[in-house]
N, C-alpha and C. Protein backbone atom coordinates (compact mmCIF):
# COMPACT_ATOMS: atom_id res chain seq x y z
N MET A 1 2.64 1.01 15.44
CA MET A 1 1.73 1.71 14.50
C MET A 1 1.63 0.61 13.59
N LYS A 2 0.51 0.19 12.79
CA LYS A 2 0.59 -0.87 11.67
C LYS A 2 0.61 -0.22 10.55
N THR A 3 1.36 -0.92 9.58
CA THR A 3 1.36 -0.28 8.08
C THR A 3 0.41 -0.90 7.22
N ASP A 4 -0.22 0.17 6.23
CA ASP A 4 -0.96 -0.17 5.35
C ASP A 4 -0.72 -1.15 4.13
N PRO A 5 -0.88 -2.20 3.90
CA PRO A 5 -0.50 -2.88 2.95
C PRO A 5 -0.54 -2.27 1.61
N PRO A 6 -1.68 -1.72 1.04
CA PRO A 6 -2.05 -1.29 -0.25
C PRO A 6 -1.01 0.15 -0.54
N LYS A 7 -0.73 0.87 0.74
CA LYS A 7 0.06 2.24 0.60
C LYS A 7 1.66 1.83 0.65
N LYS A 8 1.77 0.47 1.03
CA LYS A 8 2.96 0.17 1.13
C LYS A 8 3.36 -0.46 0.01
N GLY A 9 2.66 -1.39 -0.71
CA GLY A 9 2.87 -1.44 -2.45
C GLY A 9 2.81 -0.48 -3.37
N MET A 10 2.22 0.25 -2.98
CA MET A 10 2.18 1.78 -4.08
C MET A 10 3.40 2.48 -3.69
N GLU A 11 3.89 2.53 -2.52
CA GLU A 11 5.23 2.94 -2.21
C GLU A 11 6.41 2.11 -3.00
N TYR A 12 6.10 0.84 -2.99
CA TYR A 12 7.23 0.02 -3.58
C TYR A 12 7.28 0.25 -5.12
N LEU A 13 5.77 0.25 -5.42
CA LEU A 13 5.69 0.80 -7.18
C LEU A 13 6.45 2.22 -7.62
N ASP A 14 6.50 3.03 -6.90
CA ASP A 14 6.63 4.32 -6.92
C ASP A 14 8.18 4.24 -7.15
N ASN A 15 8.84 3.56 -6.12
CA ASN A 15 10.32 3.35 -5.97
C ASN A 15 10.74 2.39 -7.25
N ILE A 16 10.11 1.48 -7.71
CA ILE A 16 10.52 1.05 -9.09
C ILE A 16 10.56 1.69 -10.30
N CYS A 17 9.14 2.75 -10.48
CA CYS A 17 9.31 3.29 -11.53
C CYS A 17 10.18 4.44 -11.61
N ASN A 18 10.60 5.03 -10.49
CA ASN A 18 11.27 6.41 -10.18
C ASN A 18 12.78 5.74 -10.39
N ASP A 19 13.13 4.42 -10.57
CA ASP A 19 14.86 3.87 -10.72
C ASP A 19 15.10 3.90 -12.41
N PRO A 20 15.95 4.80 -12.58
CA PRO A 20 16.40 5.02 -13.56
C PRO A 20 17.04 3.88 -14.60
N ARG A 21 17.39 2.71 -13.45
CA ARG A 21 17.91 1.86 -14.22
C ARG A 21 17.28 0.74 -15.04
N LEU A 22 15.81 1.06 -14.42
CA LEU A 22 14.97 -0.12 -14.94
C LEU A 22 14.23 0.32 -16.10
N ASN A 23 14.08 -0.78 -16.98
CA ASN A 23 13.62 -0.77 -17.93
C ASN A 23 11.94 -1.70 -18.04
N VAL A 24 11.59 -1.68 -19.07
CA VAL A 24 9.87 -2.61 -19.05
C VAL A 24 10.23 -3.81 -18.53
N TRP A 25 11.28 -4.52 -19.00
CA TRP A 25 11.43 -6.16 -18.88
C TRP A 25 11.75 -6.16 -17.26
N HIS A 26 12.28 -5.49 -16.96
CA HIS A 26 12.84 -5.52 -15.13
C HIS A 26 11.44 -5.39 -14.65
N ILE A 27 10.80 -4.57 -14.82
CA ILE A 27 9.42 -4.07 -14.30
C ILE A 27 8.26 -5.28 -14.66
N SER A 28 8.27 -5.93 -15.53
CA SER A 28 7.62 -6.99 -15.81
C SER A 28 8.03 -7.98 -15.09
N LEU A 29 9.19 -8.39 -14.78
CA LEU A 29 9.50 -9.55 -13.89
C LEU A 29 9.10 -9.41 -12.70
N LEU A 30 9.24 -8.16 -12.28
CA LEU A 30 8.95 -7.69 -10.62
C LEU A 30 7.19 -7.83 -10.71
N LEU A 31 6.68 -7.36 -11.61
CA LEU A 31 5.10 -7.68 -11.41
C LEU A 31 4.65 -8.84 -11.42
N ALA A 32 5.49 -9.87 -12.25
CA ALA A 32 5.28 -11.24 -12.36
C ALA A 32 5.56 -12.14 -10.89
N ILE A 33 6.57 -11.57 -10.43
CA ILE A 33 6.99 -12.18 -8.99
C ILE A 33 5.82 -11.72 -7.91
N ALA A 34 5.67 -10.48 -8.17
CA ALA A 34 4.38 -9.86 -7.22
C ALA A 34 3.37 -10.61 -7.53
N ARG A 35 2.72 -11.23 -8.58
CA ARG A 35 1.69 -11.61 -8.75
C ARG A 35 1.47 -13.12 -8.22
N LEU A 36 2.85 -13.84 -8.24
CA LEU A 36 3.27 -15.07 -7.73
C LEU A 36 2.98 -15.18 -6.34
N ALA A 37 3.49 -14.28 -5.61
CA ALA A 37 3.43 -13.75 -4.05
C ALA A 37 1.94 -13.87 -3.77
N TYR A 38 1.31 -12.81 -4.49
CA TYR A 38 -0.17 -12.59 -4.15
C TYR A 38 -0.84 -13.78 -4.29
N ARG A 39 -0.63 -14.80 -5.29
CA ARG A 39 -1.31 -15.91 -5.23
C ARG A 39 -0.94 -17.35 -4.29
N GLN A 40 0.18 -17.08 -3.88
CA GLN A 40 0.58 -18.13 -2.69
C GLN A 40 0.56 -17.47 -1.46
N ASN A 41 -0.11 -16.23 -1.38
CA ASN A 41 -0.26 -15.73 -0.11
C ASN A 41 0.80 -15.15 0.49
N GLU A 42 2.10 -14.81 0.18
CA GLU A 42 3.21 -14.66 0.61
C GLU A 42 3.77 -13.01 0.47
N SER A 43 4.16 -12.87 1.39
CA SER A 43 4.91 -11.17 1.32
C SER A 43 6.36 -11.43 1.07
N LYS A 44 7.32 -12.21 1.27
CA LYS A 44 8.36 -12.06 1.35
C LYS A 44 9.30 -12.98 0.47
N ILE A 45 8.79 -14.84 0.73
CA ILE A 45 9.59 -15.63 -0.01
C ILE A 45 8.41 -16.23 -0.92
N ILE A 46 8.93 -16.35 -2.11
CA ILE A 46 8.01 -16.44 -3.33
C ILE A 46 8.43 -17.93 -3.92
N ARG A 47 7.89 -19.10 -4.16
CA ARG A 47 8.53 -20.27 -5.03
C ARG A 47 8.42 -19.95 -6.39
N VAL A 48 9.31 -19.88 -7.38
CA VAL A 48 9.11 -19.44 -8.70
C VAL A 48 9.56 -20.48 -9.55
N SER A 49 9.26 -20.69 -10.75
CA SER A 49 9.82 -21.25 -11.87
C SER A 49 10.20 -20.35 -13.13
N ARG A 50 11.28 -20.76 -13.66
CA ARG A 50 11.72 -19.91 -14.83
C ARG A 50 10.38 -19.81 -15.94
N SER A 51 9.93 -20.94 -16.18
CA SER A 51 8.93 -21.15 -17.33
C SER A 51 7.78 -20.15 -16.99
N LYS A 52 7.48 -20.24 -15.65
CA LYS A 52 6.22 -19.42 -14.76
C LYS A 52 6.45 -18.01 -15.35
N LEU A 53 7.33 -17.91 -14.63
CA LEU A 53 7.74 -16.32 -14.53
C LEU A 53 8.10 -15.45 -16.17
N MET A 54 8.65 -16.47 -17.10
CA MET A 54 8.81 -16.03 -18.65
C MET A 54 7.47 -15.89 -19.06
N ALA A 55 6.38 -16.93 -19.04
CA ALA A 55 5.00 -16.62 -19.53
C ALA A 55 4.44 -15.59 -18.69
N MET A 56 4.51 -15.34 -17.72
CA MET A 56 3.76 -14.20 -16.87
C MET A 56 4.30 -12.74 -17.33
N SER A 57 5.67 -12.60 -17.53
CA SER A 57 6.23 -11.29 -17.61
C SER A 57 6.49 -11.12 -19.26
N HIS A 58 5.97 -12.06 -20.14
CA HIS A 58 5.91 -11.99 -21.63
C HIS A 58 7.08 -11.91 -22.14
N ILE A 59 8.44 -12.34 -21.52
CA ILE A 59 9.62 -12.86 -22.12
C ILE A 59 9.56 -13.71 -22.74
N ASN A 60 9.87 -13.83 -24.13
CA ASN A 60 9.98 -15.05 -24.98
C ASN A 60 11.18 -15.60 -25.14
N THR A 61 12.62 -15.05 -24.70
CA THR A 61 13.51 -16.03 -24.94
C THR A 61 14.36 -15.95 -23.51
N THR A 62 15.26 -17.31 -23.10
CA THR A 62 15.60 -17.58 -22.20
C THR A 62 16.80 -16.50 -21.53
N PRO A 63 17.70 -16.06 -22.93
CA PRO A 63 18.84 -15.24 -22.59
C PRO A 63 18.28 -13.93 -21.94
N THR A 64 17.36 -13.51 -22.54
CA THR A 64 16.62 -12.06 -22.01
C THR A 64 16.02 -12.21 -20.51
N TYR A 65 15.51 -13.45 -20.55
CA TYR A 65 15.02 -13.63 -19.11
C TYR A 65 16.49 -13.66 -18.17
N HIS A 66 17.44 -14.44 -18.13
CA HIS A 66 18.56 -14.48 -17.47
C HIS A 66 19.26 -13.02 -17.31
N LYS A 67 19.09 -12.21 -18.17
CA LYS A 67 19.72 -11.03 -18.34
C LYS A 67 19.01 -10.43 -17.21
N TYR A 68 17.64 -9.83 -17.18
CA TYR A 68 17.12 -9.15 -16.39
C TYR A 68 17.23 -9.52 -15.02
N PHE A 69 16.72 -10.75 -14.70
CA PHE A 69 16.67 -11.62 -13.65
C PHE A 69 17.82 -11.25 -12.80
N LYS A 70 19.02 -11.46 -13.51
CA LYS A 70 20.45 -11.43 -13.12
C LYS A 70 20.44 -9.68 -12.34
N GLU A 71 20.29 -8.88 -13.16
CA GLU A 71 20.13 -7.29 -13.09
C GLU A 71 19.39 -7.04 -11.89
N LEU A 72 18.27 -7.52 -11.60
CA LEU A 72 17.26 -7.12 -10.51
C LEU A 72 18.11 -8.09 -9.51
N GLN A 73 18.87 -8.74 -9.45
CA GLN A 73 19.61 -9.25 -8.09
C GLN A 73 20.51 -8.20 -7.88
N ASN A 74 21.30 -7.97 -8.71
CA ASN A 74 22.59 -6.99 -8.97
C ASN A 74 21.97 -5.48 -8.30
N TYR A 75 20.76 -5.40 -8.47
CA TYR A 75 20.37 -4.02 -7.94
C TYR A 75 19.70 -4.15 -6.78
N GLY A 76 19.53 -5.23 -6.40
CA GLY A 76 18.89 -5.15 -5.04
C GLY A 76 17.53 -5.27 -4.74
N TYR A 77 16.91 -5.63 -5.80
CA TYR A 77 15.59 -5.98 -5.72
C TYR A 77 15.01 -7.36 -5.44
N ILE A 78 15.80 -8.33 -5.64
CA ILE A 78 15.58 -9.71 -5.34
C ILE A 78 16.51 -10.35 -4.83
N LYS A 79 16.53 -11.41 -4.37
CA LYS A 79 17.39 -12.32 -3.74
C LYS A 79 16.98 -13.75 -4.16
N CYS A 80 17.76 -14.42 -5.04
CA CYS A 80 17.28 -15.59 -5.43
C CYS A 80 18.03 -16.85 -4.84
N ILE A 81 17.15 -17.86 -4.48
CA ILE A 81 17.87 -19.12 -3.90
C ILE A 81 17.69 -19.97 -4.82
N PRO A 82 18.57 -20.44 -5.83
CA PRO A 82 18.32 -21.48 -6.95
C PRO A 82 17.98 -23.06 -6.15
N SER A 83 17.22 -23.81 -6.78
CA SER A 83 17.07 -24.95 -6.68
C SER A 83 17.33 -26.22 -7.60
N TYR A 84 18.40 -27.04 -7.69
CA TYR A 84 18.77 -27.47 -8.48
C TYR A 84 18.23 -29.12 -8.67
N HIS A 85 17.05 -29.44 -7.93
CA HIS A 85 16.48 -30.49 -7.95
C HIS A 85 15.15 -30.15 -8.82
N PRO A 86 14.94 -31.05 -9.97
CA PRO A 86 13.57 -30.85 -10.72
C PRO A 86 12.47 -30.90 -10.29
N ARG A 87 12.23 -31.61 -8.90
CA ARG A 87 11.01 -31.36 -8.25
C ARG A 87 10.82 -30.32 -6.99
N TYR A 88 11.76 -29.24 -6.67
CA TYR A 88 11.71 -28.17 -6.00
C TYR A 88 12.00 -27.11 -6.64
N ARG A 89 10.88 -25.88 -6.77
CA ARG A 89 11.07 -24.78 -7.06
C ARG A 89 12.30 -23.77 -6.30
N SER A 90 12.74 -23.30 -7.06
CA SER A 90 13.68 -22.30 -6.38
C SER A 90 12.54 -20.92 -5.96
N THR A 91 13.38 -20.16 -4.85
CA THR A 91 12.81 -19.36 -4.26
C THR A 91 13.47 -17.93 -4.60
N VAL A 92 12.47 -16.80 -4.66
CA VAL A 92 13.15 -15.46 -4.65
C VAL A 92 12.54 -14.85 -3.59
N GLU A 93 13.53 -13.95 -2.73
CA GLU A 93 12.90 -12.83 -1.88
C GLU A 93 12.97 -11.65 -2.22
N LEU A 94 11.95 -10.82 -2.15
CA LEU A 94 11.78 -9.69 -2.51
C LEU A 94 12.46 -8.72 -1.23
N LEU A 95 13.17 -7.98 -1.73
CA LEU A 95 14.31 -7.15 -0.92
C LEU A 95 13.60 -5.74 -0.85
N GLN A 96 13.45 -5.09 0.18
CA GLN A 96 12.93 -3.66 0.53
C GLN A 96 13.67 -2.85 -0.37
N GLN A 97 13.16 -1.58 -1.02
CA GLN A 97 13.75 -0.77 -1.41
C GLN A 97 13.29 0.49 -0.80
């Protein structure tokens, strides 16, 4: 049986909206990651940069970005594989909830 991608996406958004631990900044970061995934035509592993995610999620300070990004990792929504090389982007894996 095939899964319907729009339905799966809506279920994912429902799970996010029903999680009382998440606030507007968490959701904004997740939506920015989802937008990058769509642009890269990826469903699981997304290449990201901090500056791009901050701009897309409208987060203006680096400490705020790091706080909510780390919480998303701790809550099990994403897994980040950092790249310490300036020419290679870090990758983020969207985990199933």
